[in-house]
Amino acid sequence: MKKTYILLTLLAVALATGLLFVSCDTESKPESKSSGPDSALNGTWVNEGGGIVKFDNGNFQFESSDGTPMDKGTYTTSGSTLTMTITHVWGESCYVGGTEPVGGPEWYTKADLKATGFTDEDLNTIFVTRSITYSVSGNTLTFGDMILTKQQ
């Protein structure tokens, strides 16, 4: 389980890092989106490594391949940009500065973890807001440089 979390954490870090370096294709024009999150994202998306991302009208959740929650938060879309803010981490799936999970099988906010003694420096590496270029074509979500498939 810890290896799965580490792999998914690396995936999340890669996504977050990729968010900083991904740019729009200068030859294509982003579609005009209505206000609010892009409804084409709604659903459950899986990458080839089995990591799961669930989108639901402005809320998202990352899960391991076995469905164990990892983190969740809110998202917005504008054109081809997806902006995600992590608001909660699953205690058993989150490791901050150590080898033990931060808590039990429940959701924790930044304030919850700060109250238990974690520093802002530690928590600011987890509770982040990042923007990434995305596109949806049928059952395929291109998310930065990753490709995910919609589960039916």
Protein backbone atom coordinates (compact mmCIF):
# COMPACT_ATOMS: atom_id res chain seq x y z
CA MET A 1 0.00 0.00 0.00
CA LYS A 2 2.84 2.38 0.88
CA LYS A 3 4.47 1.70 -2.51
CA THR A 4 1.17 2.51 -4.23
CA TYR A 5 0.90 5.74 -2.25
CA ILE A 6 4.49 6.65 -3.09
CA LEU A 7 3.82 6.00 -6.80
CA LEU A 8 0.64 8.06 -6.70
CA THR A 9 2.40 10.78 -4.72
CA LEU A 10 5.09 10.82 -7.40
CA LEU A 11 2.33 11.01 -10.00
CA ALA A 12 0.74 13.94 -8.17
CA VAL A 13 4.12 15.66 -7.84
CA ALA A 14 4.80 15.04 -11.52
CA LEU A 15 1.41 16.51 -12.36
CA ALA A 16 2.03 19.50 -10.16
CA THR A 17 5.51 20.00 -11.61
CA GLY A 18 4.19 19.53 -15.12
CA LEU A 19 1.64 22.22 -14.42
CA LEU A 20 4.47 24.71 -14.25
CA PHE A 21 5.97 23.75 -17.60
CA VAL A 22 3.05 22.88 -19.86
CA SER A 23 1.87 25.48 -22.34
CA CYS A 24 -0.92 25.73 -24.88
CA ASP A 25 -0.45 24.65 -28.46
CA THR A 26 -0.04 27.92 -30.32
CA GLU A 27 -1.73 26.53 -33.42
CA SER A 28 -4.98 25.53 -31.75
CA LYS A 29 -7.49 27.87 -30.20
CA PRO A 30 -9.02 26.96 -26.84
CA GLU A 31 -12.72 26.32 -26.96
CA SER A 32 -14.88 28.90 -25.31
CA LYS A 33 -16.25 27.41 -22.10
CA SER A 34 -19.35 28.47 -20.26
CA SER A 35 -19.01 29.75 -16.73
CA GLY A 36 -18.23 27.09 -14.17
CA PRO A 37 -16.15 23.95 -14.52
CA ASP A 38 -16.05 22.07 -17.82
CA SER A 39 -18.73 19.37 -17.55
CA ALA A 40 -16.76 17.17 -19.98
CA LEU A 41 -14.41 16.43 -17.07
CA ASN A 42 -17.18 14.93 -14.91
CA GLY A 43 -16.59 11.26 -14.27
CA THR A 44 -13.86 8.84 -13.29
CA TRP A 45 -10.58 8.89 -15.22
CA VAL A 46 -7.78 6.31 -15.00
CA ASN A 47 -4.17 6.56 -16.16
CA GLU A 48 -2.23 3.60 -17.49
CA GLY A 49 -0.60 3.08 -14.07
CA GLY A 50 -4.04 2.69 -12.49
CA GLY A 51 -4.18 6.04 -10.69
CA ILE A 52 -7.71 7.43 -10.51
CA VAL A 53 -8.98 11.00 -10.76
CA LYS A 54 -12.65 11.75 -10.17
CA PHE A 55 -14.15 15.06 -11.30
CA ASP A 56 -17.59 16.22 -10.22
CA ASN A 57 -18.74 19.74 -11.08
CA GLY A 58 -15.84 21.64 -9.50
CA ASN A 59 -14.65 18.99 -7.05
CA PHE A 60 -11.93 16.38 -7.64
CA GLN A 61 -10.48 13.40 -5.82
CA PHE A 62 -7.28 11.45 -6.46
CA GLU A 63 -7.30 7.75 -5.55
CA SER A 64 -4.82 4.91 -5.73
CA SER A 65 -5.40 2.05 -8.16
CA ASP A 66 -7.23 0.11 -5.42
CA GLY A 67 -9.59 3.03 -4.77
CA THR A 68 -7.95 4.27 -1.56
CA PRO A 69 -8.46 8.03 -1.29
CA MET A 70 -5.35 10.24 -1.46
CA ASP A 71 -6.41 13.85 -1.69
CA LYS A 72 -9.29 15.97 -2.84
CA GLY A 73 -10.15 19.55 -3.52
CA THR A 74 -11.75 21.96 -5.92
CA TYR A 75 -11.08 22.88 -9.53
CA THR A 76 -12.00 25.49 -12.07
CA THR A 77 -11.54 25.63 -15.82
CA SER A 78 -10.92 28.52 -18.15
CA GLY A 79 -10.42 27.76 -21.82
CA SER A 80 -7.94 24.88 -21.84
CA THR A 81 -6.58 25.57 -18.34
CA LEU A 82 -7.56 23.44 -15.37
CA THR A 83 -6.73 24.93 -11.94
CA MET A 84 -6.80 22.51 -9.00
CA THR A 85 -6.58 23.29 -5.27
CA ILE A 86 -5.97 20.49 -2.78
CA THR A 87 -8.14 21.06 0.31
CA HIS A 88 -8.04 17.66 2.06
CA VAL A 89 -5.69 14.68 2.39
CA TRP A 90 -6.57 11.15 3.44
CA GLY A 91 -4.73 10.49 6.70
CA GLU A 92 -3.63 6.94 5.91
CA SER A 93 -2.34 7.93 2.45
CA CYS A 94 -0.42 11.08 3.38
CA TYR A 95 3.18 11.10 4.58
CA VAL A 96 4.77 14.39 5.62
CA GLY A 97 8.43 14.37 6.60
CA GLY A 98 8.41 10.79 7.86
CA THR A 99 7.58 7.18 7.29
CA GLU A 100 4.30 7.13 9.20
CA PRO A 101 0.99 8.35 7.79
CA VAL A 102 -0.29 11.62 9.22
CA GLY A 103 -3.48 10.12 10.58
CA GLY A 104 -6.22 7.55 10.45
CA PRO A 105 -8.80 6.70 7.79
CA GLU A 106 -10.38 10.13 7.49
CA TRP A 107 -10.00 13.43 5.64
CA TYR A 108 -7.72 16.12 7.08
CA THR A 109 -7.54 19.81 6.17
CA LYS A 110 -4.45 21.96 6.42
CA ALA A 111 -5.81 23.44 9.66
CA ASP A 112 -6.38 19.93 11.09
CA LEU A 113 -2.77 18.93 10.45
CA LYS A 114 -1.35 22.25 11.61
CA ALA A 115 -3.17 21.76 14.92
CA THR A 116 -1.29 18.46 15.37
CA GLY A 117 2.09 20.18 15.01
CA PHE A 118 2.93 20.13 11.31
CA THR A 119 4.61 23.31 10.08
CA ASP A 120 3.38 25.59 7.31
CA GLU A 121 6.55 24.70 5.41
CA ASP A 122 5.58 21.01 5.43
CA LEU A 123 1.92 21.64 4.71
CA ASN A 124 2.54 24.09 1.87
CA THR A 125 4.10 21.24 -0.11
CA ILE A 126 0.83 19.31 0.08
CA PHE A 127 -1.97 21.86 0.06
CA VAL A 128 -1.20 23.49 -3.29
CA THR A 129 -2.97 25.18 -6.17
CA ARG A 130 -1.70 24.37 -9.65
CA SER A 131 -2.84 25.05 -13.19
CA ILE A 132 -2.39 22.65 -16.09
CA THR A 133 -3.39 22.54 -19.73
CA TYR A 134 -6.00 19.90 -20.49
CA SER A 135 -8.26 18.70 -23.27
CA VAL A 136 -11.06 16.16 -23.49
CA SER A 137 -11.77 14.21 -26.66
CA GLY A 138 -14.40 11.52 -26.26
CA ASN A 139 -13.19 9.19 -23.51
CA THR A 140 -9.65 10.58 -23.49
CA LEU A 141 -8.41 13.28 -21.12
CA THR A 142 -5.04 14.79 -21.87
CA PHE A 143 -3.85 16.23 -18.58
CA GLY A 144 -0.53 18.00 -19.08
CA ASP A 145 1.59 15.27 -20.66
CA MET A 146 -0.51 12.42 -19.22
CA ILE A 147 -3.34 10.62 -20.94
CA LEU A 148 -6.25 9.24 -18.93
CA THR A 149 -9.23 7.16 -20.06
CA LYS A 150 -12.77 7.65 -18.80
CA GLN A 151 -14.19 4.67 -16.93
CA GLN A 152 -17.60 3.54 -18.04
